[in-house]
Amino acid sequence: MSRQREAVALAYGKLETPIVVAKGSDEVALAIIAEAKKQNVYIAQDAQLVSALSRLDLEQEIPRDLYVAVAVVLSWAYWLKDMKPGDEKR
């Protein structure tokens, strides 16, 4: 039996707290990943984080218990784009 693919997309930018803007499995997950690549968005592979985030509703802010895990991912994304927190708000 093949493993189901899952993907969750977060938006942060000008928002105070990251929110879930897309999520899905199998073909939807592949479409989310393809769009992220097309938009040059950082893609993290963390099955446990995806599992936790996939339980949230669309447009829902991430809960406090996921702040650290999401902050780690965001810090890598900033670093890879040579950005500092707050740059996206300009």
N, C-alpha and C. Protein backbone atom coordinates (compact mmCIF):
# COMPACT_ATOMS: atom_id res chain seq x y z
N MET A 1 0.86 -1.18 0.00
CA MET A 1 0.00 0.00 0.00
C MET A 1 0.90 1.24 0.00
N SER A 2 0.62 2.18 -0.90
CA SER A 2 1.45 3.38 -0.97
C SER A 2 1.03 4.40 0.09
N ARG A 3 2.00 5.18 0.49
CA ARG A 3 1.77 6.19 1.52
C ARG A 3 1.06 7.39 0.92
N GLN A 4 0.11 7.92 1.63
CA GLN A 4 -0.64 9.10 1.18
C GLN A 4 0.24 10.34 1.32
N ARG A 5 0.26 11.17 0.30
CA ARG A 5 0.99 12.43 0.36
C ARG A 5 0.09 13.50 0.94
N GLU A 6 0.66 14.33 1.77
CA GLU A 6 -0.09 15.45 2.36
C GLU A 6 0.73 16.71 2.23
N ALA A 7 0.03 17.83 2.10
CA ALA A 7 0.70 19.13 2.05
C ALA A 7 -0.19 20.16 2.73
N VAL A 8 0.47 21.11 3.37
CA VAL A 8 -0.22 22.23 4.01
C VAL A 8 0.55 23.49 3.64
N ALA A 9 -0.18 24.51 3.22
CA ALA A 9 0.45 25.79 2.89
C ALA A 9 0.04 26.82 3.94
N LEU A 10 1.02 27.59 4.37
CA LEU A 10 0.79 28.65 5.35
C LEU A 10 1.03 30.01 4.70
N ALA A 11 0.31 31.00 5.17
CA ALA A 11 0.55 32.39 4.79
C ALA A 11 0.95 33.13 6.04
N TYR A 12 1.90 34.03 5.89
CA TYR A 12 2.34 34.81 7.04
C TYR A 12 2.44 36.26 6.62
N GLY A 13 3.53 36.61 5.96
CA GLY A 13 3.69 37.95 5.42
C GLY A 13 3.23 39.07 6.32
N LYS A 14 2.13 39.70 5.97
CA LYS A 14 1.63 40.85 6.72
C LYS A 14 0.72 40.45 7.88
N LEU A 15 0.51 39.17 8.06
CA LEU A 15 -0.34 38.68 9.14
C LEU A 15 0.44 38.61 10.45
N GLU A 16 -0.27 38.73 11.54
CA GLU A 16 0.37 38.63 12.86
C GLU A 16 0.76 37.19 13.18
N THR A 17 -0.08 36.25 12.79
CA THR A 17 0.15 34.83 13.05
C THR A 17 -0.06 34.07 11.74
N PRO A 18 0.78 33.09 11.43
CA PRO A 18 0.58 32.31 10.22
C PRO A 18 -0.79 31.62 10.22
N ILE A 19 -1.38 31.53 9.02
CA ILE A 19 -2.66 30.84 8.88
C ILE A 19 -2.53 29.76 7.80
N VAL A 20 -3.40 28.77 7.88
CA VAL A 20 -3.47 27.71 6.88
C VAL A 20 -4.26 28.25 5.68
N VAL A 21 -3.62 28.23 4.51
CA VAL A 21 -4.30 28.74 3.32
C VAL A 21 -4.62 27.65 2.31
N ALA A 22 -4.01 26.49 2.46
CA ALA A 22 -4.31 25.36 1.59
C ALA A 22 -3.85 24.09 2.28
N LYS A 23 -4.58 23.02 2.02
CA LYS A 23 -4.18 21.72 2.55
C LYS A 23 -4.86 20.64 1.73
N GLY A 24 -4.23 19.49 1.68
CA GLY A 24 -4.84 18.40 0.94
C GLY A 24 -3.93 17.19 0.89
N SER A 25 -4.45 16.14 0.31
CA SER A 25 -3.68 14.91 0.18
C SER A 25 -3.65 14.46 -1.28
N ASP A 26 -2.74 13.57 -1.56
CA ASP A 26 -2.53 12.99 -2.88
C ASP A 26 -2.45 14.05 -3.98
N GLU A 27 -3.40 14.07 -4.93
CA GLU A 27 -3.32 14.99 -6.07
C GLU A 27 -3.38 16.45 -5.63
N VAL A 28 -4.17 16.75 -4.61
CA VAL A 28 -4.25 18.13 -4.10
C VAL A 28 -2.90 18.52 -3.50
N ALA A 29 -2.30 17.61 -2.76
CA ALA A 29 -0.99 17.87 -2.17
C ALA A 29 0.05 18.14 -3.25
N LEU A 30 0.03 17.35 -4.31
CA LEU A 30 0.97 17.57 -5.41
C LEU A 30 0.75 18.93 -6.07
N ALA A 31 -0.52 19.33 -6.20
CA ALA A 31 -0.83 20.64 -6.78
C ALA A 31 -0.33 21.78 -5.88
N ILE A 32 -0.50 21.61 -4.58
CA ILE A 32 -0.01 22.63 -3.62
C ILE A 32 1.51 22.75 -3.74
N ILE A 33 2.19 21.63 -3.78
CA ILE A 33 3.64 21.63 -3.89
C ILE A 33 4.10 22.23 -5.22
N ALA A 34 3.42 21.87 -6.30
CA ALA A 34 3.76 22.43 -7.62
C ALA A 34 3.60 23.94 -7.64
N GLU A 35 2.52 24.44 -7.05
CA GLU A 35 2.30 25.89 -7.01
C GLU A 35 3.34 26.58 -6.14
N ALA A 36 3.71 25.95 -5.04
CA ALA A 36 4.76 26.52 -4.18
C ALA A 36 6.07 26.63 -4.95
N LYS A 37 6.42 25.59 -5.67
CA LYS A 37 7.65 25.62 -6.47
C LYS A 37 7.57 26.71 -7.53
N LYS A 38 6.42 26.81 -8.17
CA LYS A 38 6.22 27.83 -9.21
C LYS A 38 6.39 29.24 -8.64
N GLN A 39 5.94 29.44 -7.41
CA GLN A 39 6.01 30.75 -6.76
C GLN A 39 7.33 30.95 -6.00
N ASN A 40 8.22 29.97 -6.10
CA ASN A 40 9.51 30.02 -5.41
C ASN A 40 9.34 30.12 -3.88
N VAL A 41 8.40 29.36 -3.38
CA VAL A 41 8.12 29.31 -1.94
C VAL A 41 8.89 28.15 -1.34
N TYR A 42 9.48 28.39 -0.19
CA TYR A 42 10.23 27.34 0.51
C TYR A 42 9.31 26.19 0.87
N ILE A 43 9.77 24.97 0.63
CA ILE A 43 9.00 23.76 0.94
C ILE A 43 9.76 22.97 1.99
N ALA A 44 9.15 22.79 3.14
CA ALA A 44 9.74 22.00 4.21
C ALA A 44 9.08 20.63 4.22
N GLN A 45 9.86 19.61 4.50
CA GLN A 45 9.32 18.26 4.59
C GLN A 45 9.41 17.81 6.04
N ASP A 46 8.29 17.89 6.72
CA ASP A 46 8.21 17.51 8.13
C ASP A 46 6.86 16.84 8.34
N ALA A 47 6.85 15.53 8.29
CA ALA A 47 5.61 14.76 8.36
C ALA A 47 4.80 15.05 9.63
N GLN A 48 5.48 15.19 10.76
CA GLN A 48 4.77 15.46 12.01
C GLN A 48 4.12 16.84 12.00
N LEU A 49 4.82 17.83 11.47
CA LEU A 49 4.26 19.17 11.40
C LEU A 49 3.09 19.22 10.42
N VAL A 50 3.23 18.57 9.28
CA VAL A 50 2.13 18.51 8.30
C VAL A 50 0.92 17.84 8.93
N SER A 51 1.14 16.77 9.66
CA SER A 51 0.03 16.07 10.32
C SER A 51 -0.70 16.99 11.30
N ALA A 52 0.06 17.73 12.08
CA ALA A 52 -0.55 18.65 13.05
C ALA A 52 -1.27 19.79 12.35
N LEU A 53 -0.64 20.38 11.33
CA LEU A 53 -1.25 21.49 10.62
C LEU A 53 -2.47 21.07 9.80
N SER A 54 -2.48 19.85 9.31
CA SER A 54 -3.60 19.39 8.49
C SER A 54 -4.89 19.24 9.30
N ARG A 55 -4.78 19.21 10.60
CA ARG A 55 -5.98 19.13 11.45
C ARG A 55 -6.67 20.48 11.59
N LEU A 56 -5.98 21.54 11.19
CA LEU A 56 -6.55 22.88 11.29
C LEU A 56 -7.47 23.17 10.11
N ASP A 57 -8.39 24.09 10.32
CA ASP A 57 -9.27 24.52 9.24
C ASP A 57 -8.56 25.54 8.36
N LEU A 58 -9.04 25.68 7.13
CA LEU A 58 -8.52 26.73 6.26
C LEU A 58 -8.78 28.08 6.89
N GLU A 59 -7.84 28.99 6.73
CA GLU A 59 -7.88 30.35 7.28
C GLU A 59 -7.73 30.38 8.80
N GLN A 60 -7.46 29.25 9.42
CA GLN A 60 -7.26 29.20 10.87
C GLN A 60 -5.82 29.55 11.21
N GLU A 61 -5.65 30.37 12.25
CA GLU A 61 -4.31 30.68 12.74
C GLU A 61 -3.71 29.44 13.36
N ILE A 62 -2.39 29.34 13.26
CA ILE A 62 -1.74 28.20 13.91
C ILE A 62 -1.85 28.39 15.43
N PRO A 63 -2.05 27.30 16.16
CA PRO A 63 -2.14 27.40 17.62
C PRO A 63 -0.77 27.61 18.25
N ARG A 64 -0.79 28.13 19.46
CA ARG A 64 0.46 28.43 20.18
C ARG A 64 1.39 27.22 20.28
N ASP A 65 0.83 26.02 20.42
CA ASP A 65 1.70 24.86 20.59
C ASP A 65 2.48 24.51 19.32
N LEU A 66 2.17 25.15 18.20
CA LEU A 66 2.93 24.93 16.97
C LEU A 66 3.84 26.11 16.61
N TYR A 67 3.82 27.16 17.42
CA TYR A 67 4.63 28.35 17.13
C TYR A 67 6.10 28.02 16.91
N VAL A 68 6.70 27.25 17.80
CA VAL A 68 8.13 26.98 17.70
C VAL A 68 8.43 26.19 16.42
N ALA A 69 7.66 25.16 16.15
CA ALA A 69 7.91 24.34 14.95
C ALA A 69 7.77 25.18 13.68
N VAL A 70 6.75 26.02 13.62
CA VAL A 70 6.55 26.86 12.44
C VAL A 70 7.63 27.94 12.37
N ALA A 71 8.03 28.47 13.51
CA ALA A 71 9.10 29.48 13.53
C ALA A 71 10.40 28.93 12.98
N VAL A 72 10.70 27.68 13.26
CA VAL A 72 11.91 27.05 12.72
C VAL A 72 11.84 27.01 11.20
N VAL A 73 10.70 26.59 10.68
CA VAL A 73 10.52 26.53 9.23
C VAL A 73 10.63 27.93 8.62
N LEU A 74 9.97 28.90 9.24
CA LEU A 74 10.03 30.27 8.73
C LEU A 74 11.44 30.83 8.78
N SER A 75 12.17 30.51 9.83
CA SER A 75 13.54 31.03 9.93
C SER A 75 14.41 30.48 8.80
N TRP A 76 14.22 29.22 8.44
CA TRP A 76 14.95 28.65 7.31
C TRP A 76 14.54 29.34 6.02
N ALA A 77 13.25 29.59 5.86
CA ALA A 77 12.76 30.25 4.64
C ALA A 77 13.36 31.65 4.53
N TYR A 78 13.38 32.39 5.63
CA TYR A 78 13.99 33.72 5.62
C TYR A 78 15.47 33.63 5.25
N TRP A 79 16.17 32.71 5.88
CA TRP A 79 17.60 32.56 5.64
C TRP A 79 17.88 32.24 4.18
N LEU A 80 17.11 31.30 3.61
CA LEU A 80 17.32 30.91 2.22
C LEU A 80 17.07 32.06 1.25
N LYS A 81 16.18 32.97 1.61
CA LYS A 81 15.87 34.11 0.74
C LYS A 81 16.66 35.36 1.14
N ASP A 82 17.60 35.19 2.07
CA ASP A 82 18.41 36.30 2.55
C ASP A 82 17.54 37.45 3.04
N MET A 83 16.52 37.09 3.82
CA MET A 83 15.59 38.07 4.38
C MET A 83 15.69 38.08 5.90
N LYS A 84 15.15 39.12 6.48
CA LYS A 84 15.02 39.21 7.93
C LYS A 84 13.54 39.35 8.25
N PRO A 85 13.10 38.88 9.42
CA PRO A 85 11.70 39.06 9.79
C PRO A 85 11.31 40.53 9.67
N GLY A 86 10.19 40.76 9.04
CA GLY A 86 9.71 42.12 8.82
C GLY A 86 9.91 42.57 7.39
N ASP A 87 10.88 41.97 6.67
CA ASP A 87 11.12 42.34 5.27
C ASP A 87 9.88 42.15 4.41
N GLU A 88 9.11 41.12 4.70
CA GLU A 88 7.93 40.81 3.89
C GLU A 88 6.81 41.83 4.10
N LYS A 89 6.88 42.60 5.15
CA LYS A 89 5.83 43.57 5.46
C LYS A 89 6.00 44.88 4.69
N ARG A 90 7.14 45.02 4.02
CA ARG A 90 7.41 46.25 3.24
C ARG A 90 6.83 46.14 1.87
